[in-house]
C-alpha cells in the first residue's frame, strides 16, 4: 500500500514538473512569436509607407521639377485651405513662387502644371499621343450601363478619347478657325469697349467675371451657333452654371 502511494505521489510530482516545464516553453514561444509578429508588422508598415506614401511624392523631385513639399498621405491638399479650396487661385499664386512649370500632389496623384507655351505645344501637338488619358473621378465622366464613357474631352480616356478627338479635330482646322474669327472678334471688341469705359470712369471691376462672360459668349456663338449677349446681362443663369462647373475643377 505504501509503495503504491509513493508511486502515485512521484507520478504526480513528475506530471507537475513536466507541466511547469511546458508552461515555460510555451511562454518562451509566445514571447518569440510576439517579437516576430512585431518585426513583421514593422517591416510591412515600412514597406507600405515607402512604396505607397513616400516614394510617389518623390516623382517630381527626381525629375528636377519644382513644387511645394508634399505631406504624407494628403500631398499638397492642405495648401488649398488658404484659398478656400479654390484651385485656380492657388495655381496663380504658385506660378509666382515656382515659375511657369511645377508639380503638385493631391493625395498620391501627381499633377504637372505648366503655362510654358513651347512645352504646351509639345504636349498637345507634337507628342499628343503620349498624353491621351486624364485623371478619373473628377465628376466630368459618366459611364452608362453599356460600359461606354460620356463626358468632357479632357476627362475621358482610351478609345473614347481617340474617337471624340477624331470627331472634333476637323472643327479646329485653319479654315474653320478663320470662319470663327469674326465671331471671336465681335465679342472681344465688346469686352475692350467695356474695359475702356471702366478705365475712363475709374471704376473698380472684377475682370475675371468680365472674361468669363466673354468666354461663354464666344463658346455659344462658335460651338453652338447661338448669338447671346452674355456680356450685357443675358444668359445669367447659364453663366452661373458654367462658373460653378469649371470653378470646381
C-alpha atoms as a PDB file:
ATOM      1  CA  UNK A   1       0.000   0.000   0.000  1.00  0.00           C
ATOM      2  CA  UNK A   2       2.835   2.401   0.842  1.00  0.00           C
ATOM      3  CA  UNK A   3       4.640   1.642  -2.397  1.00  0.00           C
ATOM      4  CA  UNK A   4       1.505   2.388  -4.343  1.00  0.00           C
ATOM      5  CA  UNK A   5       1.092   5.709  -2.552  1.00  0.00           C
ATOM      6  CA  UNK A   6       4.748   6.616  -3.223  1.00  0.00           C
ATOM      7  CA  UNK A   7       4.331   5.704  -6.881  1.00  0.00           C
ATOM      8  CA  UNK A   8       1.258   7.862  -7.226  1.00  0.00           C
ATOM      9  CA  UNK A   9       2.966  10.707  -5.380  1.00  0.00           C
ATOM     10  CA  UNK A  10       6.089  10.523  -7.564  1.00  0.00           C
ATOM     11  CA  UNK A  11       3.981  10.347 -10.721  1.00  0.00           C
ATOM     12  CA  UNK A  12       2.053  13.430  -9.666  1.00  0.00           C
ATOM     13  CA  UNK A  13       5.284  15.287  -8.971  1.00  0.00           C
ATOM     14  CA  UNK A  14       6.657  14.327 -12.392  1.00  0.00           C
ATOM     15  CA  UNK A  15       3.480  15.489 -14.106  1.00  0.00           C
ATOM     16  CA  UNK A  16       3.580  18.801 -12.234  1.00  0.00           C
ATOM     17  CA  UNK A  17       7.265  19.298 -13.097  1.00  0.00           C
ATOM     18  CA  UNK A  18       6.603  18.446 -16.750  1.00  0.00           C
ATOM     19  CA  UNK A  19       3.629  20.794 -16.811  1.00  0.00           C
ATOM     20  CA  UNK A  20       5.690  23.628 -15.346  1.00  0.00           C
ATOM     21  CA  UNK A  21       8.445  22.957 -17.871  1.00  0.00           C
ATOM     22  CA  UNK A  22       5.993  23.036 -20.796  1.00  0.00           C
ATOM     23  CA  UNK A  23       4.446  26.246 -19.467  1.00  0.00           C
ATOM     24  CA  UNK A  24       7.906  27.797 -19.587  1.00  0.00           C
ATOM     25  CA  UNK A  25       8.435  26.546 -23.132  1.00  0.00           C
ATOM     26  CA  UNK A  26       5.049  27.910 -24.260  1.00  0.00           C
ATOM     27  CA  UNK A  27       5.793  31.182 -22.517  1.00  0.00           C
ATOM     28  CA  UNK A  28       9.095  31.442 -24.404  1.00  0.00           C
ATOM     29  CA  UNK A  29       7.312  30.551 -27.645  1.00  0.00           C
ATOM     30  CA  UNK A  30       4.646  33.208 -27.018  1.00  0.00           C
ATOM     31  CA  UNK A  31       7.298  35.873 -26.395  1.00  0.00           C
ATOM     32  CA  UNK A  32       9.210  34.815 -29.520  1.00  0.00           C
ATOM     33  CA  UNK A  33       6.008  34.797 -31.567  1.00  0.00           C
ATOM     34  CA  UNK A  34       5.049  38.260 -30.357  1.00  0.00           C
ATOM     35  CA  UNK A  35       8.519  39.630 -31.160  1.00  0.00           C
ATOM     36  CA  UNK A  36       8.426  38.000 -34.609  1.00  0.00           C
ATOM     37  CA  UNK A  37       4.976  39.428 -35.316  1.00  0.00           C
ATOM     38  CA  UNK A  38       6.126  42.864 -34.214  1.00  0.00           C
ATOM     39  CA  UNK A  39       9.147  42.693 -36.531  1.00  0.00           C
ATOM     40  CA  UNK A  40       6.987  41.514 -39.445  1.00  0.00           C
ATOM     41  CA  UNK A  41       4.456  44.253 -38.733  1.00  0.00           C
ATOM     42  CA  UNK A  42       7.182  46.889 -38.629  1.00  0.00           C
ATOM     43  CA  UNK A  43       8.699  45.659 -41.896  1.00  0.00           C
ATOM     44  CA  UNK A  44       5.266  45.598 -43.552  1.00  0.00           C
ATOM     45  CA  UNK A  45       4.465  49.116 -42.339  1.00  0.00           C
ATOM     46  CA  UNK A  46       7.851  50.351 -43.596  1.00  0.00           C
ATOM     47  CA  UNK A  47       7.262  48.707 -46.988  1.00  0.00           C
ATOM     48  CA  UNK A  48       3.791  50.232 -47.327  1.00  0.00           C
ATOM     49  CA  UNK A  49       4.955  53.678 -46.212  1.00  0.00           C
ATOM     50  CA  UNK A  50       7.921  53.752 -48.573  1.00  0.00           C
ATOM     51  CA  UNK A  51       6.194  52.385 -51.680  1.00  0.00           C
ATOM     52  CA  UNK A  52       2.730  53.910 -51.324  1.00  0.00           C
ATOM     53  CA  UNK A  53       3.273  57.119 -49.327  1.00  0.00           C
ATOM     54  CA  UNK A  54       6.878  58.327 -49.531  1.00  0.00           C
ATOM     55  CA  UNK A  55       8.015  57.145 -52.974  1.00  0.00           C
ATOM     56  CA  UNK A  56       5.064  58.572 -55.004  1.00  0.00           C
ATOM     57  CA  UNK A  57       5.816  62.015 -53.534  1.00  0.00           C
ATOM     58  CA  UNK A  58       9.413  61.913 -54.841  1.00  0.00           C
ATOM     59  CA  UNK A  59       8.418  61.791 -58.526  1.00  0.00           C
ATOM     60  CA  UNK A  60       8.823  65.477 -59.390  1.00  0.00           C
ATOM     61  CA  UNK A  61      11.901  65.868 -57.182  1.00  0.00           C
ATOM     62  CA  UNK A  62      13.648  63.080 -59.090  1.00  0.00           C
ATOM     63  CA  UNK A  63      12.848  64.832 -62.373  1.00  0.00           C
ATOM     64  CA  UNK A  64      14.102  68.187 -61.097  1.00  0.00           C
ATOM     65  CA  UNK A  65      10.642  69.788 -61.338  1.00  0.00           C
ATOM     66  CA  UNK A  66       9.985  72.418 -58.618  1.00  0.00           C
ATOM     67  CA  UNK A  67       6.925  72.499 -56.419  1.00  0.00           C
ATOM     68  CA  UNK A  68       5.701  72.625 -52.809  1.00  0.00           C
ATOM     69  CA  UNK A  69       6.829  69.899 -50.428  1.00  0.00           C
ATOM     70  CA  UNK A  70       4.029  67.340 -50.008  1.00  0.00           C
ATOM     71  CA  UNK A  71       2.819  65.961 -46.704  1.00  0.00           C
ATOM     72  CA  UNK A  72       2.337  62.221 -46.175  1.00  0.00           C
ATOM     73  CA  UNK A  73      -0.986  60.854 -47.465  1.00  0.00           C
ATOM     74  CA  UNK A  74      -2.590  64.239 -48.319  1.00  0.00           C
ATOM     75  CA  UNK A  75       0.180  65.597 -50.549  1.00  0.00           C
ATOM     76  CA  UNK A  76      -0.383  69.331 -51.158  1.00  0.00           C
ATOM     77  CA  UNK A  77      -4.114  69.417 -50.455  1.00  0.00           C
ATOM     78  CA  UNK A  78      -3.543  71.371 -47.240  1.00  0.00           C
ATOM     79  CA  UNK A  79      -2.253  74.348 -49.257  1.00  0.00           C
ATOM     80  CA  UNK A  80      -5.695  74.899 -50.810  1.00  0.00           C
ATOM     81  CA  UNK A  81      -7.233  75.758 -47.441  1.00  0.00           C
ATOM     82  CA  UNK A  82      -5.691  79.242 -47.535  1.00  0.00           C
ATOM     83  CA  UNK A  83      -7.522  79.876 -50.829  1.00  0.00           C
ATOM     84  CA  UNK A  84     -10.849  78.424 -49.666  1.00  0.00           C
ATOM     85  CA  UNK A  85     -10.052  75.332 -51.781  1.00  0.00           C
ATOM     86  CA  UNK A  86     -10.158  77.388 -54.980  1.00  0.00           C
ATOM     87  CA  UNK A  87      -7.638  75.581 -57.175  1.00  0.00           C
ATOM     88  CA  UNK A  88      -7.412  78.362 -59.771  1.00  0.00           C
ATOM     89  CA  UNK A  89      -6.394  80.953 -57.180  1.00  0.00           C
ATOM     90  CA  UNK A  90      -3.793  78.662 -55.664  1.00  0.00           C
ATOM     91  CA  UNK A  91      -2.246  77.817 -59.054  1.00  0.00           C
ATOM     92  CA  UNK A  92      -1.998  81.538 -59.887  1.00  0.00           C
ATOM     93  CA  UNK A  93      -0.033  82.170 -56.688  1.00  0.00           C
ATOM     94  CA  UNK A  94       2.090  79.033 -57.230  1.00  0.00           C
ATOM     95  CA  UNK A  95       3.163  80.300 -60.659  1.00  0.00           C
ATOM     96  CA  UNK A  96       4.635  83.357 -58.941  1.00  0.00           C
ATOM     97  CA  UNK A  97       6.509  81.213 -56.419  1.00  0.00           C
ATOM     98  CA  UNK A  98       7.722  78.303 -58.554  1.00  0.00           C
ATOM     99  CA  UNK A  99       7.741  79.707 -62.095  1.00  0.00           C
ATOM    100  CA  UNK A 100       5.847  78.642 -65.233  1.00  0.00           C
ATOM    101  CA  UNK A 101       6.177  74.909 -64.532  1.00  0.00           C
ATOM    102  CA  UNK A 102       5.783  72.974 -61.276  1.00  0.00           C
ATOM    103  CA  UNK A 103       4.338  69.794 -59.781  1.00  0.00           C
ATOM    104  CA  UNK A 104       1.549  69.172 -57.261  1.00  0.00           C
ATOM    105  CA  UNK A 105       0.329  66.146 -55.343  1.00  0.00           C
ATOM    106  CA  UNK A 106      -3.301  65.586 -54.384  1.00  0.00           C
ATOM    107  CA  UNK A 107      -3.020  62.542 -52.183  1.00  0.00           C
ATOM    108  CA  UNK A 108      -0.758  60.204 -54.157  1.00  0.00           C
ATOM    109  CA  UNK A 109      -1.859  61.606 -57.522  1.00  0.00           C
ATOM    110  CA  UNK A 110       0.762  63.753 -59.252  1.00  0.00           C
ATOM    111  CA  UNK A 111      -0.244  66.773 -61.365  1.00  0.00           C
ATOM    112  CA  UNK A 112       2.100  68.530 -63.772  1.00  0.00           C
ATOM    113  CA  UNK A 113       1.178  72.228 -64.078  1.00  0.00           C
ATOM    114  CA  UNK A 114       2.645  74.474 -66.782  1.00  0.00           C
ATOM    115  CA  UNK A 115       1.925  77.651 -68.734  1.00  0.00           C
ATOM    116  CA  UNK A 116       5.075  77.386 -70.855  1.00  0.00           C
ATOM    117  CA  UNK A 117       3.729  77.764 -74.402  1.00  0.00           C
ATOM    118  CA  UNK A 118       6.545  75.790 -76.039  1.00  0.00           C
ATOM    119  CA  UNK A 119       6.056  72.934 -73.599  1.00  0.00           C
ATOM    120  CA  UNK A 120       2.280  73.013 -74.054  1.00  0.00           C
ATOM    121  CA  UNK A 121       2.768  72.788 -77.817  1.00  0.00           C
ATOM    122  CA  UNK A 122       4.932  69.693 -77.374  1.00  0.00           C
ATOM    123  CA  UNK A 123       2.339  68.092 -75.094  1.00  0.00           C
ATOM    124  CA  UNK A 124      -0.806  68.926 -77.043  1.00  0.00           C
ATOM    125  CA  UNK A 125       0.522  68.736 -80.633  1.00  0.00           C
ATOM    126  CA  UNK A 126       3.856  67.047 -81.269  1.00  0.00           C
ATOM    127  CA  UNK A 127       3.593  64.389 -78.572  1.00  0.00           C
ATOM    128  CA  UNK A 128      -0.166  64.383 -78.041  1.00  0.00           C
ATOM    129  CA  UNK A 129      -0.338  60.580 -78.421  1.00  0.00           C
ATOM    130  CA  UNK A 130       1.602  60.270 -75.172  1.00  0.00           C
ATOM    131  CA  UNK A 131      -0.851  62.473 -73.250  1.00  0.00           C
ATOM    132  CA  UNK A 132      -4.228  60.952 -74.030  1.00  0.00           C
ATOM    133  CA  UNK A 133      -5.626  59.810 -70.693  1.00  0.00           C
ATOM    134  CA  UNK A 134      -6.742  62.064 -67.896  1.00  0.00           C
ATOM    135  CA  UNK A 135      -7.381  61.530 -64.192  1.00  0.00           C
ATOM    136  CA  UNK A 136     -10.664  59.774 -63.431  1.00  0.00           C
ATOM    137  CA  UNK A 137     -13.033  60.670 -60.621  1.00  0.00           C
ATOM    138  CA  UNK A 138     -13.356  64.396 -61.349  1.00  0.00           C
ATOM    139  CA  UNK A 139     -17.120  64.312 -61.888  1.00  0.00           C
ATOM    140  CA  UNK A 140     -16.838  65.021 -65.630  1.00  0.00           C
ATOM    141  CA  UNK A 141     -17.213  61.400 -66.755  1.00  0.00           C
ATOM    142  CA  UNK A 142     -20.462  59.489 -66.914  1.00  0.00           C
ATOM    143  CA  UNK A 143     -20.319  55.724 -67.514  1.00  0.00           C
ATOM    144  CA  UNK A 144     -23.556  54.197 -68.749  1.00  0.00           C
ATOM    145  CA  UNK A 145     -24.732  50.649 -68.205  1.00  0.00           C
ATOM    146  CA  UNK A 146     -23.340  49.653 -71.605  1.00  0.00           C
ATOM    147  CA  UNK A 147     -19.847  50.475 -70.304  1.00  0.00           C
ATOM    148  CA  UNK A 148     -19.258  53.426 -72.635  1.00  0.00           C
ATOM    149  CA  UNK A 149     -17.891  56.704 -71.308  1.00  0.00           C
ATOM    150  CA  UNK A 150     -19.529  60.051 -71.971  1.00  0.00           C
ATOM    151  CA  UNK A 151     -18.037  63.304 -70.785  1.00  0.00           C
ATOM    152  CA  UNK A 152     -15.684  66.198 -71.452  1.00  0.00           C
ATOM    153  CA  UNK A 153     -12.854  65.592 -73.938  1.00  0.00           C
ATOM    154  CA  UNK A 154     -10.182  66.412 -71.366  1.00  0.00           C
ATOM    155  CA  UNK A 155     -11.659  63.905 -68.889  1.00  0.00           C
ATOM    156  CA  UNK A 156     -12.360  60.723 -70.868  1.00  0.00           C
ATOM    157  CA  UNK A 157      -9.732  58.084 -71.617  1.00  0.00           C
ATOM    158  CA  UNK A 158      -8.511  55.499 -74.090  1.00  0.00           C
ATOM    159  CA  UNK A 159     -10.589  54.698 -77.166  1.00  0.00           C
ATOM    160  CA  UNK A 160     -13.368  57.056 -76.049  1.00  0.00           C
ATOM    161  CA  UNK A 161     -10.897  59.944 -76.116  1.00  0.00           C
ATOM    162  CA  UNK A 162      -9.500  58.965 -79.533  1.00  0.00           C
ATOM    163  CA  UNK A 163     -12.964  58.707 -81.065  1.00  0.00           C
ATOM    164  CA  UNK A 164     -14.099  62.048 -79.616  1.00  0.00           C
ATOM    165  CA  UNK A 165     -10.838  63.746 -80.624  1.00  0.00           C
ATOM    166  CA  UNK A 166     -11.160  62.432 -84.185  1.00  0.00           C
ATOM    167  CA  UNK A 167     -14.677  63.860 -84.427  1.00  0.00           C
ATOM    168  CA  UNK A 168     -13.799  67.279 -83.000  1.00  0.00           C
ATOM    169  CA  UNK A 169     -10.413  67.891 -84.635  1.00  0.00           C
ATOM    170  CA  UNK A 170     -11.842  68.966 -88.051  1.00  0.00           C
ATOM    171  CA  UNK A 171     -13.774  71.742 -86.276  1.00  0.00           C
ATOM    172  CA  UNK A 172     -10.465  73.358 -85.295  1.00  0.00           C
ATOM    173  CA  UNK A 173      -8.750  73.324 -88.668  1.00  0.00           C
ATOM    174  CA  UNK A 174      -7.225  76.544 -90.021  1.00  0.00           C
ATOM    175  CA  UNK A 175     -10.175  77.115 -92.346  1.00  0.00           C
ATOM    176  CA  UNK A 176     -12.780  76.612 -89.607  1.00  0.00           C
ATOM    177  CA  UNK A 177     -10.885  78.860 -87.219  1.00  0.00           C
ATOM    178  CA  UNK A 178     -10.929  81.652 -89.804  1.00  0.00           C
ATOM    179  CA  UNK A 179     -14.690  81.310 -90.059  1.00  0.00           C
ATOM    180  CA  UNK A 180     -14.907  81.772 -86.286  1.00  0.00           C
ATOM    181  CA  UNK A 181     -12.616  84.791 -86.317  1.00  0.00           C
ATOM    182  CA  UNK A 182     -15.339  87.365 -86.904  1.00  0.00           C
ATOM    183  CA  UNK A 183     -17.447  85.990 -84.033  1.00  0.00           C
ATOM    184  CA  UNK A 184     -14.480  85.993 -81.662  1.00  0.00           C
ATOM    185  CA  UNK A 185     -13.507  89.486 -82.776  1.00  0.00           C
ATOM    186  CA  UNK A 186     -17.031  90.779 -82.149  1.00  0.00           C
ATOM    187  CA  UNK A 187     -17.060  89.533 -78.547  1.00  0.00           C
ATOM    188  CA  UNK A 188     -13.500  90.762 -77.970  1.00  0.00           C
ATOM    189  CA  UNK A 189     -14.322  94.249 -79.219  1.00  0.00           C
ATOM    190  CA  UNK A 190     -17.355  94.334 -76.932  1.00  0.00           C
ATOM    191  CA  UNK A 191     -15.097  93.424 -73.995  1.00  0.00           C
ATOM    192  CA  UNK A 192     -12.500  96.067 -74.913  1.00  0.00           C
ATOM    193  CA  UNK A 193     -15.224  98.680 -75.123  1.00  0.00           C
ATOM    194  CA  UNK A 194     -16.431  97.814 -71.635  1.00  0.00           C
ATOM    195  CA  UNK A 195     -12.894  97.881 -70.219  1.00  0.00           C
ATOM    196  CA  UNK A 196     -12.273 101.309 -71.819  1.00  0.00           C
ATOM    197  CA  UNK A 197     -15.466 102.610 -70.241  1.00  0.00           C
ATOM    198  CA  UNK A 198     -14.434 101.435 -66.779  1.00  0.00           C
ATOM    199  CA  UNK A 199     -10.935 102.832 -67.282  1.00  0.00           C
ATOM    200  CA  UNK A 200     -12.354 106.251 -68.153  1.00  0.00           C
ATOM    201  CA  UNK A 201     -14.635 106.330 -65.137  1.00  0.00           C
ATOM    202  CA  UNK A 202     -12.026 104.940 -62.752  1.00  0.00           C
ATOM    203  CA  UNK A 203     -14.496 102.333 -61.520  1.00  0.00           C
ATOM    204  CA  UNK A 204     -13.119  99.158 -59.939  1.00  0.00           C
ATOM    205  CA  UNK A 205     -14.366  95.986 -61.622  1.00  0.00           C
ATOM    206  CA  UNK A 206     -13.907  92.220 -61.372  1.00  0.00           C
ATOM    207  CA  UNK A 207     -12.038  91.437 -64.604  1.00  0.00           C
ATOM    208  CA  UNK A 208     -12.378  87.687 -64.075  1.00  0.00           C
ATOM    209  CA  UNK A 209     -16.166  87.937 -64.323  1.00  0.00           C
ATOM    210  CA  UNK A 210     -15.807  90.023 -67.477  1.00  0.00           C
ATOM    211  CA  UNK A 211     -13.561  87.423 -69.105  1.00  0.00           C
ATOM    212  CA  UNK A 212     -15.903  84.619 -68.005  1.00  0.00           C
ATOM    213  CA  UNK A 213     -18.783  86.335 -69.765  1.00  0.00           C
ATOM    214  CA  UNK A 214     -16.758  86.918 -72.914  1.00  0.00           C
ATOM    215  CA  UNK A 215     -15.532  83.316 -72.972  1.00  0.00           C
ATOM    216  CA  UNK A 216     -19.031  81.893 -72.618  1.00  0.00           C
ATOM    217  CA  UNK A 217     -20.294  84.261 -75.285  1.00  0.00           C
ATOM    218  CA  UNK A 218     -17.615  83.055 -77.722  1.00  0.00           C
ATOM    219  CA  UNK A 219     -18.316  79.379 -76.970  1.00  0.00           C
ATOM    220  CA  UNK A 220     -22.045  79.849 -77.546  1.00  0.00           C
ATOM    221  CA  UNK A 221     -21.559  81.640 -80.857  1.00  0.00           C
ATOM    222  CA  UNK A 222     -18.789  79.452 -82.310  1.00  0.00           C
ATOM    223  CA  UNK A 223     -19.655  75.988 -80.973  1.00  0.00           C
ATOM    224  CA  UNK A 224     -23.463  76.205 -80.743  1.00  0.00           C
ATOM    225  CA  UNK A 225     -24.272  78.885 -83.317  1.00  0.00           C
ATOM    226  CA  UNK A 226     -26.228  80.922 -80.790  1.00  0.00           C
ATOM    227  CA  UNK A 227     -25.662  84.651 -80.502  1.00  0.00           C
ATOM    228  CA  UNK A 228     -26.311  85.612 -76.883  1.00  0.00           C
ATOM    229  CA  UNK A 229     -25.161  88.949 -75.480  1.00  0.00           C
ATOM    230  CA  UNK A 230     -23.817  87.479 -72.237  1.00  0.00           C
ATOM    231  CA  UNK A 231     -21.599  90.500 -71.559  1.00  0.00           C
ATOM    232  CA  UNK A 232     -24.643  92.715 -71.248  1.00  0.00           C
ATOM    233  CA  UNK A 233     -26.544  90.515 -68.820  1.00  0.00           C
ATOM    234  CA  UNK A 234     -28.256  87.920 -70.977  1.00  0.00           C
ATOM    235  CA  UNK A 235     -27.908  84.228 -70.105  1.00  0.00           C
ATOM    236  CA  UNK A 236     -27.114  84.940 -66.430  1.00  0.00           C
ATOM    237  CA  UNK A 237     -28.283  81.503 -65.232  1.00  0.00           C
ATOM    238  CA  UNK A 238     -26.219  79.785 -67.900  1.00  0.00           C
ATOM    239  CA  UNK A 239     -23.163  81.812 -66.880  1.00  0.00           C
ATOM    240  CA  UNK A 240     -23.615  80.943 -63.195  1.00  0.00           C
ATOM    241  CA  UNK A 241     -23.849  77.236 -64.015  1.00  0.00           C
ATOM    242  CA  UNK A 242     -20.721  77.364 -66.191  1.00  0.00           C
ATOM    243  CA  UNK A 243     -18.744  79.154 -63.459  1.00  0.00           C
ATOM    244  CA  UNK A 244     -19.820  76.568 -60.864  1.00  0.00           C
ATOM    245  CA  UNK A 245     -18.801  73.662 -63.092  1.00  0.00           C
ATOM    246  CA  UNK A 246     -15.399  74.965 -64.195  1.00  0.00           C
ATOM    247  CA  UNK A 247     -14.681  76.748 -60.947  1.00  0.00           C
ATOM    248  CA  UNK A 248     -14.717  73.405 -59.132  1.00  0.00           C
ATOM    249  CA  UNK A 249     -12.003  71.809 -61.307  1.00  0.00           C
END
